[in-house]
C-alpha atoms as a PDB file:
ATOM      1  CA  MET A   1    -218.176  90.870  -3.712  1.00  0.00           C
ATOM      2  CA  THR A   2    -214.895  92.849  -4.834  1.00  0.00           C
ATOM      3  CA  GLU A   3    -213.295  91.829  -7.898  1.00  0.00           C
ATOM      4  CA  VAL A   4    -210.025  89.732  -7.116  1.00  0.00           C
ATOM      5  CA  SER A   5    -207.534  87.501  -9.069  1.00  0.00           C
ATOM      6  CA  LEU A   6    -208.107  83.747  -9.241  1.00  0.00           C
ATOM      7  CA  PRO A   7    -204.422  82.937  -7.516  1.00  0.00           C
ATOM      8  CA  GLU A   8    -205.315  85.669  -4.824  1.00  0.00           C
ATOM      9  CA  ILE A   9    -208.529  84.243  -3.839  1.00  0.00           C
ATOM     10  CA  CYS A  10    -207.059  80.719  -3.996  1.00  0.00           C
ATOM     11  CA  LEU A  11    -204.351  81.692  -1.851  1.00  0.00           C
ATOM     12  CA  GLU A  12    -206.516  82.917   0.826  1.00  0.00           C
ATOM     13  CA  LEU A  13    -208.538  79.756   0.931  1.00  0.00           C
ATOM     14  CA  ASP A  14    -205.604  77.972   0.659  1.00  0.00           C
ATOM     15  CA  THR A  15    -204.179  79.253   4.038  1.00  0.00           C
ATOM     16  CA  PHE A  16    -207.215  79.665   5.905  1.00  0.00           C
ATOM     17  CA  PHE A  17    -208.031  75.778   5.538  1.00  0.00           C
ATOM     18  CA  ASN A  18    -204.609  74.891   5.279  1.00  0.00           C
ATOM     19  CA  VAL A  19    -205.567  72.496   2.480  1.00  0.00           C
ATOM     20  CA  GLU A  20    -201.786  71.186   2.238  1.00  0.00           C
ATOM     21  CA  ALA A  21    -202.354  69.262   5.673  1.00  0.00           C
ATOM     22  CA  PHE A  22    -205.117  67.376   4.333  1.00  0.00           C
ATOM     23  CA  VAL A  23    -204.112  64.925   1.777  1.00  0.00           C
ATOM     24  CA  GLU A  24    -207.316  62.553   0.126  1.00  0.00           C
ATOM     25  CA  LYS A  25    -205.776  60.830  -2.615  1.00  0.00           C
ATOM     26  CA  ASP A  26    -208.268  57.964  -1.800  1.00  0.00           C
ATOM     27  CA  TRP A  27    -210.972  60.396  -3.691  1.00  0.00           C
ATOM     28  CA  GLU A  28    -208.863  58.709  -6.935  1.00  0.00           C
ATOM     29  CA  GLU A  29    -210.509  55.183  -6.021  1.00  0.00           C
ATOM     30  CA  PHE A  30    -214.083  56.627  -6.875  1.00  0.00           C
ATOM     31  CA  LEU A  31    -213.044  57.748 -10.725  1.00  0.00           C
ATOM     32  CA  PRO A  32    -214.063  55.004 -13.139  1.00  0.00           C
ATOM     33  CA  GLU A  33    -210.434  53.676 -15.098  1.00  0.00           C
ATOM     34  CA  SER A  34    -211.908  55.083 -18.084  1.00  0.00           C
ATOM     35  CA  TYR A  35    -212.107  58.540 -16.351  1.00  0.00           C
ATOM     36  CA  LYS A  36    -208.288  58.713 -15.516  1.00  0.00           C
ATOM     37  CA  GLY A  37    -207.529  60.561 -18.960  1.00  0.00           C
ATOM     38  CA  VAL A  38    -210.647  63.065 -18.274  1.00  0.00           C
ATOM     39  CA  VAL A  39    -208.568  63.974 -14.841  1.00  0.00           C
ATOM     40  CA  GLN A  40    -204.919  64.472 -16.768  1.00  0.00           C
ATOM     41  CA  ARG A  41    -207.181  66.692 -19.318  1.00  0.00           C
ATOM     42  CA  PHE A  42    -208.945  69.094 -17.231  1.00  0.00           C
ATOM     43  CA  TYR A  43    -207.717  68.419 -13.476  1.00  0.00           C
ATOM     44  CA  ARG A  44    -205.001  71.161 -12.168  1.00  0.00           C
ATOM     45  CA  PRO A  45    -202.139  68.867 -12.077  1.00  0.00           C
ATOM     46  CA  ALA A  46    -201.310  70.016  -8.307  1.00  0.00           C
ATOM     47  CA  PHE A  47    -204.516  68.943  -7.205  1.00  0.00           C
ATOM     48  CA  VAL A  48    -204.291  65.507  -8.519  1.00  0.00           C
ATOM     49  CA  GLN A  49    -200.580  65.010  -7.426  1.00  0.00           C
ATOM     50  CA  GLU A  50    -200.856  66.793  -4.044  1.00  0.00           C
ATOM     51  CA  ALA A  51    -203.786  67.200  -1.618  1.00  0.00           C
ATOM     52  CA  TRP A  52    -207.201  66.433  -3.749  1.00  0.00           C
ATOM     53  CA  ASN A  53    -208.136  69.871  -2.239  1.00  0.00           C
ATOM     54  CA  GLY A  54    -207.568  73.185  -3.381  1.00  0.00           C
ATOM     55  CA  LEU A  55    -207.892  74.519  -6.847  1.00  0.00           C
ATOM     56  CA  MET A  56    -209.037  71.727  -9.022  1.00  0.00           C
ATOM     57  CA  LEU A  57    -210.339  73.455 -11.936  1.00  0.00           C
ATOM     58  CA  GLU A  58    -208.317  76.600 -13.449  1.00  0.00           C
ATOM     59  CA  ASN A  59    -209.964  77.825 -16.243  1.00  0.00           C
ATOM     60  CA  PRO A  60    -210.128  81.598 -16.249  1.00  0.00           C
ATOM     61  CA  GLU A  61    -209.119  84.085 -19.018  1.00  0.00           C
ATOM     62  CA  PRO A  62    -205.664  85.618 -18.805  1.00  0.00           C
ATOM     63  CA  GLU A  63    -205.688  88.469 -16.273  1.00  0.00           C
ATOM     64  CA  ALA A  64    -209.369  87.988 -15.471  1.00  0.00           C
ATOM     65  CA  ALA A  65    -210.891  88.838 -11.777  1.00  0.00           C
ATOM     66  CA  ILE A  66    -213.027  86.857 -10.126  1.00  0.00           C
ATOM     67  CA  ASP A  67    -216.194  88.881  -9.327  1.00  0.00           C
ATOM     68  CA  ARG A  68    -218.723  86.048  -8.315  1.00  0.00           C
ATOM     69  CA  VAL A  69    -218.116  82.798  -6.022  1.00  0.00           C
ATOM     70  CA  TYR A  70    -220.857  79.865  -6.203  1.00  0.00           C
ATOM     71  CA  LEU A  71    -220.883  77.610  -3.120  1.00  0.00           C
ATOM     72  CA  ALA A  72    -222.313  73.982  -3.489  1.00  0.00           C
ATOM     73  CA  VAL A  73    -221.883  70.773  -1.495  1.00  0.00           C
ATOM     74  CA  PHE A  74    -221.784  68.318  -4.694  1.00  0.00           C
ATOM     75  CA  PRO A  75    -221.059  69.618  -7.978  1.00  0.00           C
ATOM     76  CA  THR A  76    -224.049  68.049  -9.554  1.00  0.00           C
ATOM     77  CA  GLN A  77    -225.022  68.093 -13.241  1.00  0.00           C
ATOM     78  CA  GLY A  78    -227.793  70.437 -12.040  1.00  0.00           C
ATOM     79  CA  ILE A  79    -226.111  72.686 -10.194  1.00  0.00           C
ATOM     80  CA  ILE A  80    -223.038  73.135 -12.830  1.00  0.00           C
ATOM     81  CA  ASP A  81    -225.976  73.622 -15.477  1.00  0.00           C
ATOM     82  CA  LYS A  82    -227.583  76.416 -13.533  1.00  0.00           C
ATOM     83  CA  ILE A  83    -224.143  78.163 -13.090  1.00  0.00           C
ATOM     84  CA  ILE A  84    -223.186  78.034 -16.337  1.00  0.00           C
ATOM     85  CA  ALA A  85    -226.294  79.414 -17.564  1.00  0.00           C
ATOM     86  CA  LYS A  86    -226.149  81.900 -14.875  1.00  0.00           C
ATOM     87  CA  GLU A  87    -222.233  82.979 -16.035  1.00  0.00           C
ATOM     88  CA  VAL A  88    -223.691  83.013 -19.828  1.00  0.00           C
ATOM     89  CA  GLU A  89    -226.688  85.162 -18.829  1.00  0.00           C
ATOM     90  CA  ARG A  90    -224.755  88.022 -17.609  1.00  0.00           C
ATOM     91  CA  GLY A  91    -221.696  87.631 -19.833  1.00  0.00           C
ATOM     92  CA  ALA A  92    -219.262  87.445 -16.903  1.00  0.00           C
ATOM     93  CA  LYS A  93    -215.306  87.011 -17.316  1.00  0.00           C
ATOM     94  CA  GLY A  94    -214.529  84.604 -14.698  1.00  0.00           C
ATOM     95  CA  SER A  95    -216.252  82.908 -11.366  1.00  0.00           C
ATOM     96  CA  LEU A  96    -215.401  80.365  -9.162  1.00  0.00           C
ATOM     97  CA  ILE A  97    -217.495  77.479  -7.723  1.00  0.00           C
ATOM     98  CA  PHE A  98    -216.591  76.811  -4.206  1.00  0.00           C
ATOM     99  CA  VAL A  99    -217.604  73.016  -3.716  1.00  0.00           C
ATOM    100  CA  HIS A 100    -217.437  70.565  -0.598  1.00  0.00           C
ATOM    101  CA  HIS A 101    -216.538  67.454  -2.808  1.00  0.00           C
ATOM    102  CA  PRO A 102    -214.951  67.219  -5.806  1.00  0.00           C
ATOM    103  CA  THR A 103    -217.622  64.760  -6.937  1.00  0.00           C
ATOM    104  CA  ALA A 104    -221.176  64.432  -7.153  1.00  0.00           C
ATOM    105  CA  TYR A 105    -223.183  62.368  -4.909  1.00  0.00           C
ATOM    106  CA  SER A 106    -226.246  60.189  -5.352  1.00  0.00           C
ATOM    107  CA  GLU A 107    -228.206  59.577  -1.947  1.00  0.00           C
ATOM    108  CA  LYS A 108    -230.342  56.942  -3.909  1.00  0.00           C
ATOM    109  CA  THR A 109    -227.220  54.464  -5.299  1.00  0.00           C
ATOM    110  CA  ALA A 110    -224.548  55.619  -2.557  1.00  0.00           C
ATOM    111  CA  GLU A 111    -222.081  56.293  -5.228  1.00  0.00           C
ATOM    112  CA  PHE A 112    -219.860  59.211  -6.230  1.00  0.00           C
ATOM    113  CA  THR A 113    -219.828  60.130  -9.410  1.00  0.00           C
ATOM    114  CA  PRO A 114    -217.409  62.602 -11.247  1.00  0.00           C
ATOM    115  CA  ILE A 115    -218.482  65.755 -13.217  1.00  0.00           C
ATOM    116  CA  LYS A 116    -219.130  65.052 -16.989  1.00  0.00           C
ATOM    117  CA  VAL A 117    -216.579  65.725 -19.879  1.00  0.00           C
ATOM    118  CA  GLU A 118    -219.289  67.633 -21.437  1.00  0.00           C
ATOM    119  CA  GLN A 119    -219.720  70.013 -18.517  1.00  0.00           C
ATOM    120  CA  LEU A 120    -216.246  70.357 -17.676  1.00  0.00           C
ATOM    121  CA  GLU A 121    -215.949  71.232 -21.647  1.00  0.00           C
ATOM    122  CA  GLU A 122    -218.500  74.071 -20.684  1.00  0.00           C
ATOM    123  CA  LEU A 123    -216.891  74.980 -17.544  1.00  0.00           C
ATOM    124  CA  LYS A 124    -213.377  75.533 -19.258  1.00  0.00           C
ATOM    125  CA  GLU A 125    -215.391  77.492 -22.439  1.00  0.00           C
ATOM    126  CA  HIS A 126    -217.160  79.855 -19.691  1.00  0.00           C
ATOM    127  CA  ASN A 127    -214.204  80.763 -17.465  1.00  0.00           C
ATOM    128  CA  ILE A 128    -215.656  78.844 -14.356  1.00  0.00           C
ATOM    129  CA  SER A 129    -213.197  77.644 -12.350  1.00  0.00           C
ATOM    130  CA  LEU A 130    -213.642  75.209  -9.351  1.00  0.00           C
ATOM    131  CA  TYR A 131    -212.210  74.927  -5.633  1.00  0.00           C
ATOM    132  CA  SER A 132    -212.703  71.728  -3.786  1.00  0.00           C
ATOM    133  CA  CYS A 133    -212.410  71.645  -0.116  1.00  0.00           C
ATOM    134  CA  HIS A 134    -213.641  68.236   1.956  1.00  0.00           C
ATOM    135  CA  ALA A 135    -211.422  67.286   4.748  1.00  0.00           C
ATOM    136  CA  PRO A 136    -210.338  70.976   5.454  1.00  0.00           C
ATOM    137  CA  LEU A 137    -213.992  72.176   5.864  1.00  0.00           C
ATOM    138  CA  ASP A 138    -214.944  69.001   8.065  1.00  0.00           C
ATOM    139  CA  CYS A 139    -212.196  69.975  10.595  1.00  0.00           C
ATOM    140  CA  HIS A 140    -211.379  73.846  10.322  1.00  0.00           C
ATOM    141  CA  VAL A 141    -211.545  75.109  14.096  1.00  0.00           C
ATOM    142  CA  GLU A 142    -213.779  78.218  13.043  1.00  0.00           C
ATOM    143  CA  ILE A 143    -215.766  77.472   9.612  1.00  0.00           C
ATOM    144  CA  SER A 144    -216.671  73.556   9.779  1.00  0.00           C
ATOM    145  CA  THR A 145    -219.406  71.333   9.107  1.00  0.00           C
ATOM    146  CA  ALA A 146    -219.356  70.435  12.398  1.00  0.00           C
ATOM    147  CA  ASN A 147    -219.365  73.899  13.887  1.00  0.00           C
ATOM    148  CA  ALA A 148    -222.251  75.228  11.585  1.00  0.00           C
ATOM    149  CA  PHE A 149    -224.310  72.142  12.595  1.00  0.00           C
ATOM    150  CA  ALA A 150    -223.563  72.433  16.378  1.00  0.00           C
ATOM    151  CA  ASP A 151    -224.386  76.090  16.299  1.00  0.00           C
ATOM    152  CA  ALA A 152    -227.647  75.446  14.334  1.00  0.00           C
ATOM    153  CA  LEU A 153    -228.660  72.657  16.712  1.00  0.00           C
ATOM    154  CA  GLY A 154    -227.620  75.062  19.758  1.00  0.00           C
ATOM    155  CA  LEU A 155    -225.275  72.952  21.339  1.00  0.00           C
ATOM    156  CA  GLU A 156    -223.618  74.374  24.467  1.00  0.00           C
ATOM    157  CA  ASP A 157    -220.121  73.357  25.670  1.00  0.00           C
ATOM    158  CA  GLN A 158    -219.091  71.909  22.378  1.00  0.00           C
ATOM    159  CA  LYS A 159    -216.029  70.144  22.095  1.00  0.00           C
ATOM    160  CA  ARG A 160    -214.480  68.056  19.002  1.00  0.00           C
ATOM    161  CA  PHE A 161    -214.114  64.725  18.634  1.00  0.00           C
ATOM    162  CA  GLY A 162    -213.693  62.007  15.690  1.00  0.00           C
ATOM    163  CA  TYR A 163    -210.164  62.412  14.248  1.00  0.00           C
ATOM    164  CA  TYR A 164    -210.297  62.522  10.078  1.00  0.00           C
ATOM    165  CA  VAL A 165    -207.363  62.776   8.014  1.00  0.00           C
ATOM    166  CA  ALA A 166    -205.611  65.588   9.353  1.00  0.00           C
ATOM    167  CA  GLY A 167    -208.060  67.134  12.366  1.00  0.00           C
ATOM    168  CA  TYR A 168    -211.505  66.530  13.969  1.00  0.00           C
ATOM    169  CA  ALA A 169    -214.619  66.342  12.033  1.00  0.00           C
ATOM    170  CA  GLY A 170    -217.338  65.358  15.140  1.00  0.00           C
ATOM    171  CA  MET A 171    -218.659  68.011  17.790  1.00  0.00           C
ATOM    172  CA  HIS A 172    -220.430  67.033  20.793  1.00  0.00           C
ATOM    173  CA  GLY A 173    -222.108  69.270  23.436  1.00  0.00           C
ATOM    174  CA  THR A 174    -225.466  69.767  25.477  1.00  0.00           C
ATOM    175  CA  LEU A 175    -228.673  71.331  25.287  1.00  0.00           C
ATOM    176  CA  LYS A 176    -231.695  71.458  27.388  1.00  0.00           C
ATOM    177  CA  PRO A 177    -233.192  67.983  27.715  1.00  0.00           C
ATOM    178  CA  THR A 178    -235.599  67.033  25.341  1.00  0.00           C
ATOM    179  CA  THR A 179    -237.601  64.248  23.547  1.00  0.00           C
ATOM    180  CA  PHE A 180    -236.452  62.513  20.589  1.00  0.00           C
ATOM    181  CA  GLN A 181    -239.650  63.443  18.391  1.00  0.00           C
ATOM    182  CA  GLU A 182    -238.796  67.089  19.425  1.00  0.00           C
ATOM    183  CA  ILE A 183    -234.908  67.193  18.395  1.00  0.00           C
ATOM    184  CA  ALA A 184    -235.793  64.871  15.241  1.00  0.00           C
ATOM    185  CA  GLN A 185    -238.483  67.738  14.162  1.00  0.00           C
ATOM    186  CA  LYS A 186    -235.544  70.340  14.848  1.00  0.00           C
ATOM    187  CA  LEU A 187    -233.155  68.389  12.852  1.00  0.00           C
ATOM    188  CA  ALA A 188    -235.425  68.362   9.531  1.00  0.00           C
ATOM    189  CA  GLU A 189    -236.027  72.050  10.092  1.00  0.00           C
ATOM    190  CA  ILE A 190    -232.501  73.315  10.292  1.00  0.00           C
ATOM    191  CA  CYS A 191    -231.782  71.012   7.304  1.00  0.00           C
ATOM    192  CA  GLU A 192    -234.681  72.241   5.445  1.00  0.00           C
ATOM    193  CA  LEU A 193    -236.390  69.317   4.975  1.00  0.00           C
ATOM    194  CA  PRO A 194    -240.269  68.418   5.198  1.00  0.00           C
ATOM    195  CA  MET A 195    -239.494  65.387   7.556  1.00  0.00           C
ATOM    196  CA  LEU A 196    -236.550  62.277   8.415  1.00  0.00           C
ATOM    197  CA  ARG A 197    -236.561  59.223   6.709  1.00  0.00           C
ATOM    198  CA  TYR A 198    -238.045  56.671   8.979  1.00  0.00           C
ATOM    199  CA  ASP A 199    -235.073  54.378   8.274  1.00  0.00           C
ATOM    200  CA  GLN A 200    -232.264  57.015   9.440  1.00  0.00           C
ATOM    201  CA  CYS A 201    -234.425  57.373  12.779  1.00  0.00           C
ATOM    202  CA  LEU A 202    -233.542  55.086  15.770  1.00  0.00           C
ATOM    203  CA  ASN A 203    -235.056  56.019  18.993  1.00  0.00           C
ATOM    204  CA  ASN A 204    -233.520  54.055  21.935  1.00  0.00           C
ATOM    205  CA  GLY A 205    -235.898  55.414  24.324  1.00  0.00           C
ATOM    206  CA  ARG A 206    -233.154  58.012  25.632  1.00  0.00           C
ATOM    207  CA  LEU A 207    -233.731  61.750  26.748  1.00  0.00           C
ATOM    208  CA  VAL A 208    -232.174  63.658  24.516  1.00  0.00           C
ATOM    209  CA  HIS A 209    -229.325  66.035  26.202  1.00  0.00           C
ATOM    210  CA  HIS A 210    -225.915  65.053  25.277  1.00  0.00           C
ATOM    211  CA  ILE A 211    -225.885  65.176  21.220  1.00  0.00           C
ATOM    212  CA  ALA A 212    -222.699  64.159  19.227  1.00  0.00           C
ATOM    213  CA  ILE A 213    -222.663  65.013  15.518  1.00  0.00           C
ATOM    214  CA  THR A 214    -220.268  64.390  12.479  1.00  0.00           C
ATOM    215  CA  PRO A 215    -221.890  65.841   9.269  1.00  0.00           C
ATOM    216  CA  GLY A 216    -222.243  64.042   5.820  1.00  0.00           C
ATOM    217  CA  GLY A 217    -220.767  60.352   5.602  1.00  0.00           C
ATOM    218  CA  GLY A 218    -220.395  59.895   9.435  1.00  0.00           C
ATOM    219  CA  GLY A 219    -221.933  56.382  10.051  1.00  0.00           C
ATOM    220  CA  ASP A 220    -218.687  55.182  10.497  1.00  0.00           C
ATOM    221  CA  PRO A 221    -219.104  52.815  13.619  1.00  0.00           C
ATOM    222  CA  GLN A 222    -215.479  54.338  15.011  1.00  0.00           C
ATOM    223  CA  PHE A 223    -217.285  57.773  15.089  1.00  0.00           C
ATOM    224  CA  ILE A 224    -220.633  56.309  16.806  1.00  0.00           C
ATOM    225  CA  ASP A 225    -218.513  54.361  19.222  1.00  0.00           C
ATOM    226  CA  GLU A 226    -216.467  57.022  20.327  1.00  0.00           C
ATOM    227  CA  ALA A 227    -219.610  59.275  20.781  1.00  0.00           C
ATOM    228  CA  HIS A 228    -220.856  56.933  23.000  1.00  0.00           C
ATOM    229  CA  GLN A 229    -217.887  56.546  25.155  1.00  0.00           C
ATOM    230  CA  LEU A 230    -217.836  60.308  25.172  1.00  0.00           C
ATOM    231  CA  GLY A 231    -221.558  60.300  27.103  1.00  0.00           C
ATOM    232  CA  ALA A 232    -223.512  60.945  24.303  1.00  0.00           C
ATOM    233  CA  ASP A 233    -227.105  59.873  24.100  1.00  0.00           C
ATOM    234  CA  THR A 234    -227.800  60.810  20.737  1.00  0.00           C
ATOM    235  CA  TYR A 235    -225.585  60.740  17.505  1.00  0.00           C
ATOM    236  CA  ILE A 236    -226.681  62.944  14.753  1.00  0.00           C
ATOM    237  CA  THR A 237    -224.999  62.476  11.248  1.00  0.00           C
ATOM    238  CA  GLY A 238    -226.242  62.569   7.737  1.00  0.00           C
ATOM    239  CA  HIS A 239    -226.886  58.734   7.031  1.00  0.00           C
ATOM    240  CA  TRP A 240    -225.947  55.817   9.086  1.00  0.00           C
ATOM    241  CA  TRP A 241    -228.314  53.354   7.338  1.00  0.00           C
ATOM    242  CA  LEU A 242    -227.433  53.395   3.873  1.00  0.00           C
ATOM    243  CA  PHE A 243    -230.216  52.440   1.502  1.00  0.00           C
ATOM    244  CA  GLY A 244    -228.371  52.838  -1.953  1.00  0.00           C
ATOM    245  CA  THR A 245    -227.918  50.032  -4.377  1.00  0.00           C
ATOM    246  CA  SER A 246    -224.031  50.142  -4.464  1.00  0.00           C
ATOM    247  CA  GLU A 247    -222.266  46.956  -3.306  1.00  0.00           C
ATOM    248  CA  PHE A 248    -220.639  49.428  -0.559  1.00  0.00           C
ATOM    249  CA  ALA A 249    -224.494  50.051   0.515  1.00  0.00           C
ATOM    250  CA  ARG A 250    -225.490  46.550   0.569  1.00  0.00           C
ATOM    251  CA  LYS A 251    -222.450  45.317   2.737  1.00  0.00           C
ATOM    252  CA  SER A 252    -222.910  48.140   5.202  1.00  0.00           C
ATOM    253  CA  ARG A 253    -226.737  47.405   5.585  1.00  0.00           C
ATOM    254  CA  GLU A 254    -225.420  43.769   6.321  1.00  0.00           C
ATOM    255  CA  ASP A 255    -223.014  44.663   9.282  1.00  0.00           C
ATOM    256  CA  MET A 256    -225.184  47.515  10.631  1.00  0.00           C
ATOM    257  CA  PRO A 257    -228.071  45.495  12.439  1.00  0.00           C
ATOM    258  CA  SER A 258    -225.961  43.402  14.650  1.00  0.00           C
ATOM    259  CA  TYR A 259    -223.974  46.512  15.245  1.00  0.00           C
ATOM    260  CA  ILE A 260    -226.862  48.631  16.545  1.00  0.00           C
ATOM    261  CA  ALA A 261    -228.146  45.854  18.470  1.00  0.00           C
ATOM    262  CA  GLY A 262    -225.732  46.566  20.978  1.00  0.00           C
ATOM    263  CA  LEU A 263    -225.971  50.671  21.370  1.00  0.00           C
ATOM    264  CA  ASP A 264    -227.463  52.422  24.098  1.00  0.00           C
ATOM    265  CA  ILE A 265    -227.871  55.490  21.839  1.00  0.00           C
ATOM    266  CA  ASN A 266    -230.097  57.310  19.679  1.00  0.00           C
ATOM    267  CA  MET A 267    -229.410  57.818  16.295  1.00  0.00           C
ATOM    268  CA  LEU A 268    -230.589  60.098  13.614  1.00  0.00           C
ATOM    269  CA  GLY A 269    -229.881  61.080   9.983  1.00  0.00           C
ATOM    270  CA  ALA A 270    -230.539  64.017   7.929  1.00  0.00           C
ATOM    271  CA  SER A 271    -229.163  63.101   4.466  1.00  0.00           C
ATOM    272  CA  HIS A 272    -225.233  64.012   3.408  1.00  0.00           C
ATOM    273  CA  TYR A 273    -226.387  66.701   0.928  1.00  0.00           C
ATOM    274  CA  SER A 274    -228.332  68.526   4.131  1.00  0.00           C
ATOM    275  CA  THR A 275    -226.416  68.181   7.038  1.00  0.00           C
ATOM    276  CA  GLU A 276    -223.503  69.647   4.845  1.00  0.00           C
ATOM    277  CA  LEU A 277    -225.377  72.690   3.154  1.00  0.00           C
ATOM    278  CA  LEU A 278    -225.464  74.152   6.698  1.00  0.00           C
ATOM    279  CA  VAL A 279    -221.885  75.527   6.646  1.00  0.00           C
ATOM    280  CA  MET A 280    -222.159  76.860   2.867  1.00  0.00           C
ATOM    281  CA  ARG A 281    -225.436  78.337   3.856  1.00  0.00           C
ATOM    282  CA  ASP A 282    -224.582  79.874   7.375  1.00  0.00           C
ATOM    283  CA  GLN A 283    -220.702  80.476   7.487  1.00  0.00           C
ATOM    284  CA  MET A 284    -219.254  80.336   4.025  1.00  0.00           C
ATOM    285  CA  VAL A 285    -221.540  83.291   2.586  1.00  0.00           C
ATOM    286  CA  GLY A 286    -219.921  85.544   5.036  1.00  0.00           C
ATOM    287  CA  TRP A 287    -216.391  84.045   4.634  1.00  0.00           C
END
């Protein structure tokens, strides 16, 4: 990419995604009390005080230009370690990580975890900044998790649904009638998975024609109910059955059986990460 200053690229991102309209201060609830001092030390004050979207870590050398941007769904320890290693190897003066979430996420525990202090220190040392774009990337009318997913599935007559923060995070549309098994196989393929988890597949015997999708953690009954009301025969998300060990996951599993018992809709999940990978792979690369 052409060299650009950090303020310049952040202004373009802020404007394009209208980040100031998407205030998500509830991300603070996922942080341990002991981490609050870490936030004050490393996070950009405006990020914390305003929307929790936008430039989160501001770590460039004075007057340094950004000549590389990394894309990631979650800032996991493994991803950050790889990025730091690449930057050290090439001796770069400044780069930017564009992430969909400000924290990592464990599919095993269904918990969000913040970036470790040691990694924050390394990011700062190697002039690697981080830009987080959650709800704005879910809801943008052109480049979004839902748009990328709908396009990959080949949905026609695409329309938004599922109000979220300050926009619409879901998409519904139609395709040529197909079977549950065929759409499950296609879903695994586009999400680069060898197969789907059995506990994320609920076949209610309906032919697949009208699909509603909410990538990521779209298992909220509010979204599923709306999809059903719109006439969808199949609902696809990252996970609707939480199999983690957290208290939130346990409570969700207690409530879900009675809820889905009354649903006349097929349900599929392809993991939080994989369903949101598509926007990075298929759309943000060319932004």
